[in-house]
Amino acid sequence: MKIRLSLVDDHNLYRKGLIKILSTFSEVDSIKEFENGEVFINHYSNSASRDDHIILLDYQMPKLDGIAVSNWLKQHKPKTKIIIISQYDDQHTIQKFIQNGASGYLLKGASIQELHEAIIQVYKNNFYFNEHVSNQMIIDLVQHKNINPNFKENNELTDREKEIAQLICQEFSYKDIANQLNISQRTVETHKKNILKKIGATKATGIVVYATKKGWI
């Protein structure tokens, strides 16, 4: 896995610091940097170089902001995936960017581990949602085809795993699921781990996306 990245952010110190972090990820092959959306679009409009796999894109920038760049990429580079990096964590803002072509959304205060996970998940599965995103919003986005999720399809889930996946989508706690199915919480957690392994996801949000794509909810 060798991932080509571009980072578009108008804050020089933040951009330089992030590039140092990204360069430590073994999966990252190359990183280009741009100080705003206008410079980024001009480069890609005139460049004959290969497109990058993922664009890490700041929300608020002078000249052209994240929404404008997302719209341009959606029209001209539809195979390129976008991860928005922002200080805003409200559902409306996140939904707006996903509807405009973003595959993931990260807060600027995210950990290095979450940044790494988001890049890998977007590259492999075409989406990344953190715990700030409600299950209902994820369901709406998948049903309206605002994201195009990709999963492992080699291993079918058992009936019990499907049942637990559906309950996770309804935001039941492990305790509630255990009580409803008359099993232990540890058994619920084991089923969840098995589901994640089978579908190739890492978080419960992946289960929500998968179950919605399958039409189980």
C-alpha atoms as a PDB file:
ATOM      1  CA  MET A   1       0.000   0.000   0.000  1.00  0.00           C
ATOM      2  CA  LYS A   2       1.576   3.259  -1.162  1.00  0.00           C
ATOM      3  CA  ILE A   3      -0.656   6.290  -0.778  1.00  0.00           C
ATOM      4  CA  ARG A   4      -0.115   9.615  -2.541  1.00  0.00           C
ATOM      5  CA  LEU A   5      -1.349  12.599  -0.511  1.00  0.00           C
ATOM      6  CA  SER A   6      -1.881  16.315  -0.971  1.00  0.00           C
ATOM      7  CA  LEU A   7      -2.306  18.658   1.985  1.00  0.00           C
ATOM      8  CA  VAL A   8      -4.162  21.945   1.436  1.00  0.00           C
ATOM      9  CA  ASP A   9      -4.033  24.303   4.431  1.00  0.00           C
ATOM     10  CA  ASP A  10      -3.307  28.026   4.691  1.00  0.00           C
ATOM     11  CA  HIS A  11      -1.646  27.859   8.138  1.00  0.00           C
ATOM     12  CA  ASN A  12       2.038  27.367   7.419  1.00  0.00           C
ATOM     13  CA  LEU A  13       3.150  26.092  10.834  1.00  0.00           C
ATOM     14  CA  TYR A  14       0.257  23.637  11.069  1.00  0.00           C
ATOM     15  CA  ARG A  15       0.870  22.434   7.509  1.00  0.00           C
ATOM     16  CA  LYS A  16       4.589  21.889   8.071  1.00  0.00           C
ATOM     17  CA  GLY A  17       3.966  20.068  11.340  1.00  0.00           C
ATOM     18  CA  LEU A  18       1.358  17.818   9.751  1.00  0.00           C
ATOM     19  CA  ILE A  19       3.685  16.952   6.886  1.00  0.00           C
ATOM     20  CA  LYS A  20       6.310  15.783   9.393  1.00  0.00           C
ATOM     21  CA  ILE A  21       3.731  13.510  10.998  1.00  0.00           C
ATOM     22  CA  LEU A  22       2.440  12.175   7.669  1.00  0.00           C
ATOM     23  CA  SER A  23       5.964  11.378   6.522  1.00  0.00           C
ATOM     24  CA  THR A  24       6.303   8.893   9.409  1.00  0.00           C
ATOM     25  CA  PHE A  25       3.418   6.749   8.097  1.00  0.00           C
ATOM     26  CA  SER A  26       4.876   3.777   6.244  1.00  0.00           C
ATOM     27  CA  GLU A  27       1.885   3.614   3.878  1.00  0.00           C
ATOM     28  CA  VAL A  28       2.431   7.160   2.593  1.00  0.00           C
ATOM     29  CA  ASP A  29       4.432   7.314  -0.624  1.00  0.00           C
ATOM     30  CA  SER A  30       4.438  11.060  -1.344  1.00  0.00           C
ATOM     31  CA  ILE A  31       3.043  14.324   0.046  1.00  0.00           C
ATOM     32  CA  LYS A  32       2.430  17.567  -1.832  1.00  0.00           C
ATOM     33  CA  GLU A  33       1.556  20.758   0.034  1.00  0.00           C
ATOM     34  CA  PHE A  34      -0.512  23.788  -1.026  1.00  0.00           C
ATOM     35  CA  GLU A  35      -1.173  27.000   0.911  1.00  0.00           C
ATOM     36  CA  ASN A  36      -4.747  27.469  -0.314  1.00  0.00           C
ATOM     37  CA  GLY A  37      -7.410  26.037  -2.587  1.00  0.00           C
ATOM     38  CA  GLU A  38      -6.659  28.329  -5.498  1.00  0.00           C
ATOM     39  CA  VAL A  39      -3.004  27.226  -5.700  1.00  0.00           C
ATOM     40  CA  PHE A  40      -4.094  23.593  -5.410  1.00  0.00           C
ATOM     41  CA  ILE A  41      -6.634  23.829  -8.259  1.00  0.00           C
ATOM     42  CA  ASN A  42      -4.215  25.744 -10.472  1.00  0.00           C
ATOM     43  CA  HIS A  43      -1.626  23.015  -9.966  1.00  0.00           C
ATOM     44  CA  TYR A  44      -3.983  20.167 -10.785  1.00  0.00           C
ATOM     45  CA  SER A  45      -5.540  22.004 -13.702  1.00  0.00           C
ATOM     46  CA  ASN A  46      -2.145  22.423 -15.360  1.00  0.00           C
ATOM     47  CA  SER A  47      -0.217  19.388 -14.136  1.00  0.00           C
ATOM     48  CA  ALA A  48       0.297  16.195 -16.096  1.00  0.00           C
ATOM     49  CA  SER A  49       1.446  14.301 -12.980  1.00  0.00           C
ATOM     50  CA  ARG A  50      -0.518  11.426 -11.506  1.00  0.00           C
ATOM     51  CA  ASP A  51      -3.478  12.327  -9.313  1.00  0.00           C
ATOM     52  CA  ASP A  52      -3.082  11.785  -5.600  1.00  0.00           C
ATOM     53  CA  HIS A  53      -5.185   9.170  -3.839  1.00  0.00           C
ATOM     54  CA  ILE A  54      -6.298  11.416  -0.962  1.00  0.00           C
ATOM     55  CA  ILE A  55      -6.538  15.174  -0.427  1.00  0.00           C
ATOM     56  CA  LEU A  56      -6.330  16.427   3.175  1.00  0.00           C
ATOM     57  CA  LEU A  57      -8.305  19.631   2.914  1.00  0.00           C
ATOM     58  CA  ASP A  58      -8.736  22.521   5.335  1.00  0.00           C
ATOM     59  CA  TYR A  59     -12.270  23.874   5.750  1.00  0.00           C
ATOM     60  CA  GLN A  60     -11.657  27.620   6.019  1.00  0.00           C
ATOM     61  CA  MET A  61      -9.081  29.135   3.651  1.00  0.00           C
ATOM     62  CA  PRO A  62      -8.741  32.451   1.788  1.00  0.00           C
ATOM     63  CA  LYS A  63      -9.565  32.662  -1.928  1.00  0.00           C
ATOM     64  CA  LEU A  64     -11.113  29.176  -2.246  1.00  0.00           C
ATOM     65  CA  ASP A  65     -12.377  27.317   0.812  1.00  0.00           C
ATOM     66  CA  GLY A  66     -12.847  23.592   1.385  1.00  0.00           C
ATOM     67  CA  ILE A  67     -16.340  23.524  -0.107  1.00  0.00           C
ATOM     68  CA  ALA A  68     -15.180  25.140  -3.354  1.00  0.00           C
ATOM     69  CA  VAL A  69     -12.240  22.737  -3.670  1.00  0.00           C
ATOM     70  CA  SER A  70     -14.474  19.749  -2.865  1.00  0.00           C
ATOM     71  CA  ASN A  71     -16.911  20.771  -5.600  1.00  0.00           C
ATOM     72  CA  TRP A  72     -14.054  21.167  -8.106  1.00  0.00           C
ATOM     73  CA  LEU A  73     -12.607  17.758  -7.233  1.00  0.00           C
ATOM     74  CA  LYS A  74     -16.025  16.116  -7.458  1.00  0.00           C
ATOM     75  CA  GLN A  75     -16.394  17.443 -11.006  1.00  0.00           C
ATOM     76  CA  HIS A  76     -12.829  17.123 -12.328  1.00  0.00           C
ATOM     77  CA  LYS A  77     -11.172  14.406 -10.204  1.00  0.00           C
ATOM     78  CA  PRO A  78     -14.036  12.153  -9.033  1.00  0.00           C
ATOM     79  CA  LYS A  79     -11.750   9.238  -8.126  1.00  0.00           C
ATOM     80  CA  THR A  80      -9.699  11.368  -5.737  1.00  0.00           C
ATOM     81  CA  LYS A  81     -10.801  11.003  -2.119  1.00  0.00           C
ATOM     82  CA  ILE A  82     -11.134  13.912   0.276  1.00  0.00           C
ATOM     83  CA  ILE A  83     -10.628  14.122   4.031  1.00  0.00           C
ATOM     84  CA  ILE A  84     -11.743  17.447   5.478  1.00  0.00           C
ATOM     85  CA  ILE A  85      -9.742  18.766   8.434  1.00  0.00           C
ATOM     86  CA  SER A  86     -11.677  21.290  10.503  1.00  0.00           C
ATOM     87  CA  GLN A  87     -12.169  22.723  13.974  1.00  0.00           C
ATOM     88  CA  TYR A  88     -15.960  22.414  13.652  1.00  0.00           C
ATOM     89  CA  ASP A  89     -17.638  19.215  14.830  1.00  0.00           C
ATOM     90  CA  ASP A  90     -21.340  20.011  14.328  1.00  0.00           C
ATOM     91  CA  GLN A  91     -23.434  17.531  12.365  1.00  0.00           C
ATOM     92  CA  HIS A  92     -24.585  20.119   9.817  1.00  0.00           C
ATOM     93  CA  THR A  93     -21.045  21.033   8.749  1.00  0.00           C
ATOM     94  CA  ILE A  94     -19.946  17.401   8.536  1.00  0.00           C
ATOM     95  CA  GLN A  95     -23.024  16.458   6.503  1.00  0.00           C
ATOM     96  CA  LYS A  96     -22.499  19.404   4.145  1.00  0.00           C
ATOM     97  CA  PHE A  97     -18.981  18.271   3.283  1.00  0.00           C
ATOM     98  CA  ILE A  98     -19.891  14.600   2.853  1.00  0.00           C
ATOM     99  CA  GLN A  99     -22.727  15.647   0.550  1.00  0.00           C
ATOM    100  CA  ASN A 100     -20.189  17.661  -1.441  1.00  0.00           C
ATOM    101  CA  GLY A 101     -17.902  14.709  -2.039  1.00  0.00           C
ATOM    102  CA  ALA A 102     -15.752  14.272   1.072  1.00  0.00           C
ATOM    103  CA  SER A 103     -15.014  10.707   2.178  1.00  0.00           C
ATOM    104  CA  GLY A 104     -14.004  11.615   5.713  1.00  0.00           C
ATOM    105  CA  TYR A 105     -13.981  14.375   8.303  1.00  0.00           C
ATOM    106  CA  LEU A 106     -11.317  14.979  10.964  1.00  0.00           C
ATOM    107  CA  LEU A 107     -11.104  17.545  13.713  1.00  0.00           C
ATOM    108  CA  LYS A 108      -7.884  19.567  13.905  1.00  0.00           C
ATOM    109  CA  GLY A 109      -7.424  18.285  17.431  1.00  0.00           C
ATOM    110  CA  ALA A 110      -7.472  14.627  16.320  1.00  0.00           C
ATOM    111  CA  SER A 111      -4.722  12.315  17.541  1.00  0.00           C
ATOM    112  CA  ILE A 112      -1.937  11.033  15.297  1.00  0.00           C
ATOM    113  CA  GLN A 113      -3.465   7.561  15.602  1.00  0.00           C
ATOM    114  CA  GLU A 114      -6.849   8.811  14.368  1.00  0.00           C
ATOM    115  CA  LEU A 115      -5.232  10.690  11.477  1.00  0.00           C
ATOM    116  CA  HIS A 116      -3.444   7.503  10.431  1.00  0.00           C
ATOM    117  CA  GLU A 117      -6.612   5.435  10.764  1.00  0.00           C
ATOM    118  CA  ALA A 118      -8.650   7.939   8.737  1.00  0.00           C
ATOM    119  CA  ILE A 119      -6.180   7.857   5.845  1.00  0.00           C
ATOM    120  CA  ILE A 120      -6.073   4.048   5.777  1.00  0.00           C
ATOM    121  CA  GLN A 121      -9.857   3.672   6.044  1.00  0.00           C
ATOM    122  CA  VAL A 122     -10.576   6.221   3.308  1.00  0.00           C
ATOM    123  CA  TYR A 123      -8.004   4.576   1.046  1.00  0.00           C
ATOM    124  CA  LYS A 124      -9.400   1.072   1.658  1.00  0.00           C
ATOM    125  CA  ASN A 125     -13.109   1.608   2.375  1.00  0.00           C
ATOM    126  CA  ASN A 126     -13.858   5.030   0.804  1.00  0.00           C
ATOM    127  CA  PHE A 127     -15.074   6.549   4.083  1.00  0.00           C
ATOM    128  CA  TYR A 128     -14.106   7.508   7.627  1.00  0.00           C
ATOM    129  CA  PHE A 129     -16.480   8.618  10.371  1.00  0.00           C
ATOM    130  CA  ASN A 130     -15.466   9.297  13.961  1.00  0.00           C
ATOM    131  CA  GLU A 131     -17.692   9.013  17.004  1.00  0.00           C
ATOM    132  CA  HIS A 132     -18.983  12.599  16.585  1.00  0.00           C
ATOM    133  CA  VAL A 133     -21.165  11.446  13.690  1.00  0.00           C
ATOM    134  CA  SER A 134     -24.565  10.049  14.643  1.00  0.00           C
ATOM    135  CA  ASN A 135     -25.715   6.708  13.302  1.00  0.00           C
ATOM    136  CA  GLN A 136     -28.804   8.336  11.783  1.00  0.00           C
ATOM    137  CA  MET A 137     -26.685  10.782   9.816  1.00  0.00           C
ATOM    138  CA  ILE A 138     -24.507   7.925   8.541  1.00  0.00           C
ATOM    139  CA  ILE A 139     -27.628   5.993   7.507  1.00  0.00           C
ATOM    140  CA  ASP A 140     -28.997   9.028   5.633  1.00  0.00           C
ATOM    141  CA  LEU A 141     -25.699   9.603   3.832  1.00  0.00           C
ATOM    142  CA  VAL A 142     -25.422   5.986   2.703  1.00  0.00           C
ATOM    143  CA  GLN A 143     -29.072   5.740   1.653  1.00  0.00           C
ATOM    144  CA  HIS A 144     -28.752   8.907  -0.441  1.00  0.00           C
ATOM    145  CA  LYS A 145     -25.507   7.574  -1.971  1.00  0.00           C
ATOM    146  CA  ASN A 146     -23.402  10.476  -0.714  1.00  0.00           C
ATOM    147  CA  ILE A 147     -20.621   7.974  -0.009  1.00  0.00           C
ATOM    148  CA  ASN A 148     -19.578   4.867  -1.880  1.00  0.00           C
ATOM    149  CA  PRO A 149     -18.389   2.420   0.815  1.00  0.00           C
ATOM    150  CA  ASN A 150     -16.196  -0.540   0.005  1.00  0.00           C
ATOM    151  CA  PHE A 151     -15.977  -3.641   2.211  1.00  0.00           C
ATOM    152  CA  LYS A 152     -14.611  -7.139   2.275  1.00  0.00           C
ATOM    153  CA  GLU A 153     -17.286  -9.444   0.888  1.00  0.00           C
ATOM    154  CA  ASN A 154     -15.591 -12.833   1.344  1.00  0.00           C
ATOM    155  CA  ASN A 155     -17.212 -13.808   4.623  1.00  0.00           C
ATOM    156  CA  GLU A 156     -20.979 -13.696   5.149  1.00  0.00           C
ATOM    157  CA  LEU A 157     -22.199 -12.615   8.575  1.00  0.00           C
ATOM    158  CA  THR A 158     -24.143 -15.122  10.649  1.00  0.00           C
ATOM    159  CA  ASP A 159     -27.777 -14.437  11.550  1.00  0.00           C
ATOM    160  CA  ARG A 160     -26.722 -13.483  15.084  1.00  0.00           C
ATOM    161  CA  GLU A 161     -24.062 -11.110  13.751  1.00  0.00           C
ATOM    162  CA  LYS A 162     -26.642  -9.479  11.466  1.00  0.00           C
ATOM    163  CA  GLU A 163     -28.975  -9.112  14.437  1.00  0.00           C
ATOM    164  CA  ILE A 164     -26.260  -7.434  16.515  1.00  0.00           C
ATOM    165  CA  ALA A 165     -25.289  -5.187  13.607  1.00  0.00           C
ATOM    166  CA  GLN A 166     -28.884  -3.979  13.336  1.00  0.00           C
ATOM    167  CA  LEU A 167     -29.028  -3.223  17.064  1.00  0.00           C
ATOM    168  CA  ILE A 168     -25.731  -1.312  16.893  1.00  0.00           C
ATOM    169  CA  CYS A 169     -27.287   0.792  14.127  1.00  0.00           C
ATOM    170  CA  GLN A 170     -30.115   1.648  16.510  1.00  0.00           C
ATOM    171  CA  GLU A 171     -27.498   2.908  19.011  1.00  0.00           C
ATOM    172  CA  PHE A 172     -28.247   0.306  21.662  1.00  0.00           C
ATOM    173  CA  SER A 173     -25.464  -0.095  24.240  1.00  0.00           C
ATOM    174  CA  TYR A 174     -23.655  -3.411  24.672  1.00  0.00           C
ATOM    175  CA  LYS A 175     -25.600  -3.883  27.902  1.00  0.00           C
ATOM    176  CA  ASP A 176     -28.940  -3.298  26.167  1.00  0.00           C
ATOM    177  CA  ILE A 177     -28.035  -5.676  23.338  1.00  0.00           C
ATOM    178  CA  ALA A 178     -26.933  -8.333  25.817  1.00  0.00           C
ATOM    179  CA  ASN A 179     -30.178  -8.030  27.767  1.00  0.00           C
ATOM    180  CA  GLN A 180     -32.336  -8.088  24.643  1.00  0.00           C
ATOM    181  CA  LEU A 181     -30.610 -11.195  23.227  1.00  0.00           C
ATOM    182  CA  ASN A 182     -30.106 -12.872  26.608  1.00  0.00           C
ATOM    183  CA  ILE A 183     -26.326 -13.123  26.165  1.00  0.00           C
ATOM    184  CA  SER A 184     -23.373 -11.605  28.028  1.00  0.00           C
ATOM    185  CA  GLN A 185     -21.819  -8.236  27.188  1.00  0.00           C
ATOM    186  CA  ARG A 186     -18.548 -10.044  26.485  1.00  0.00           C
ATOM    187  CA  THR A 187     -20.334 -12.165  23.882  1.00  0.00           C
ATOM    188  CA  VAL A 188     -21.707  -9.006  22.265  1.00  0.00           C
ATOM    189  CA  GLU A 189     -18.198  -7.520  22.131  1.00  0.00           C
ATOM    190  CA  THR A 190     -16.840 -10.744  20.615  1.00  0.00           C
ATOM    191  CA  HIS A 191     -19.520 -10.682  17.911  1.00  0.00           C
ATOM    192  CA  LYS A 192     -18.714  -7.027  17.197  1.00  0.00           C
ATOM    193  CA  LYS A 193     -15.004  -7.827  16.782  1.00  0.00           C
ATOM    194  CA  ASN A 194     -15.871 -10.691  14.435  1.00  0.00           C
ATOM    195  CA  ILE A 195     -18.140  -8.441  12.360  1.00  0.00           C
ATOM    196  CA  LEU A 196     -15.441  -5.785  12.048  1.00  0.00           C
ATOM    197  CA  LYS A 197     -12.877  -8.369  11.019  1.00  0.00           C
ATOM    198  CA  LYS A 198     -15.177  -9.878   8.389  1.00  0.00           C
ATOM    199  CA  ILE A 199     -16.098  -6.573   6.764  1.00  0.00           C
ATOM    200  CA  GLY A 200     -12.649  -4.970   7.056  1.00  0.00           C
ATOM    201  CA  ALA A 201     -13.664  -2.034   9.268  1.00  0.00           C
ATOM    202  CA  THR A 202     -12.270  -0.808  12.576  1.00  0.00           C
ATOM    203  CA  LYS A 203     -15.121   1.052  14.302  1.00  0.00           C
ATOM    204  CA  ALA A 204     -18.802   0.576  15.058  1.00  0.00           C
ATOM    205  CA  THR A 205     -19.525   3.314  12.510  1.00  0.00           C
ATOM    206  CA  GLY A 206     -18.244   0.897   9.855  1.00  0.00           C
ATOM    207  CA  ILE A 207     -20.866  -1.601  10.938  1.00  0.00           C
ATOM    208  CA  VAL A 208     -23.555   1.070  10.521  1.00  0.00           C
ATOM    209  CA  VAL A 209     -22.360   1.861   6.998  1.00  0.00           C
ATOM    210  CA  TYR A 210     -22.165  -1.843   6.097  1.00  0.00           C
ATOM    211  CA  ALA A 211     -25.636  -2.691   7.446  1.00  0.00           C
ATOM    212  CA  THR A 212     -27.142   0.301   5.649  1.00  0.00           C
ATOM    213  CA  LYS A 213     -25.458  -0.643   2.367  1.00  0.00           C
ATOM    214  CA  LYS A 214     -26.852  -4.176   2.739  1.00  0.00           C
ATOM    215  CA  GLY A 215     -30.363  -2.821   3.338  1.00  0.00           C
ATOM    216  CA  TRP A 216     -30.741  -4.403   6.776  1.00  0.00           C
ATOM    217  CA  ILE A 217     -32.132  -1.219   8.289  1.00  0.00           C
END
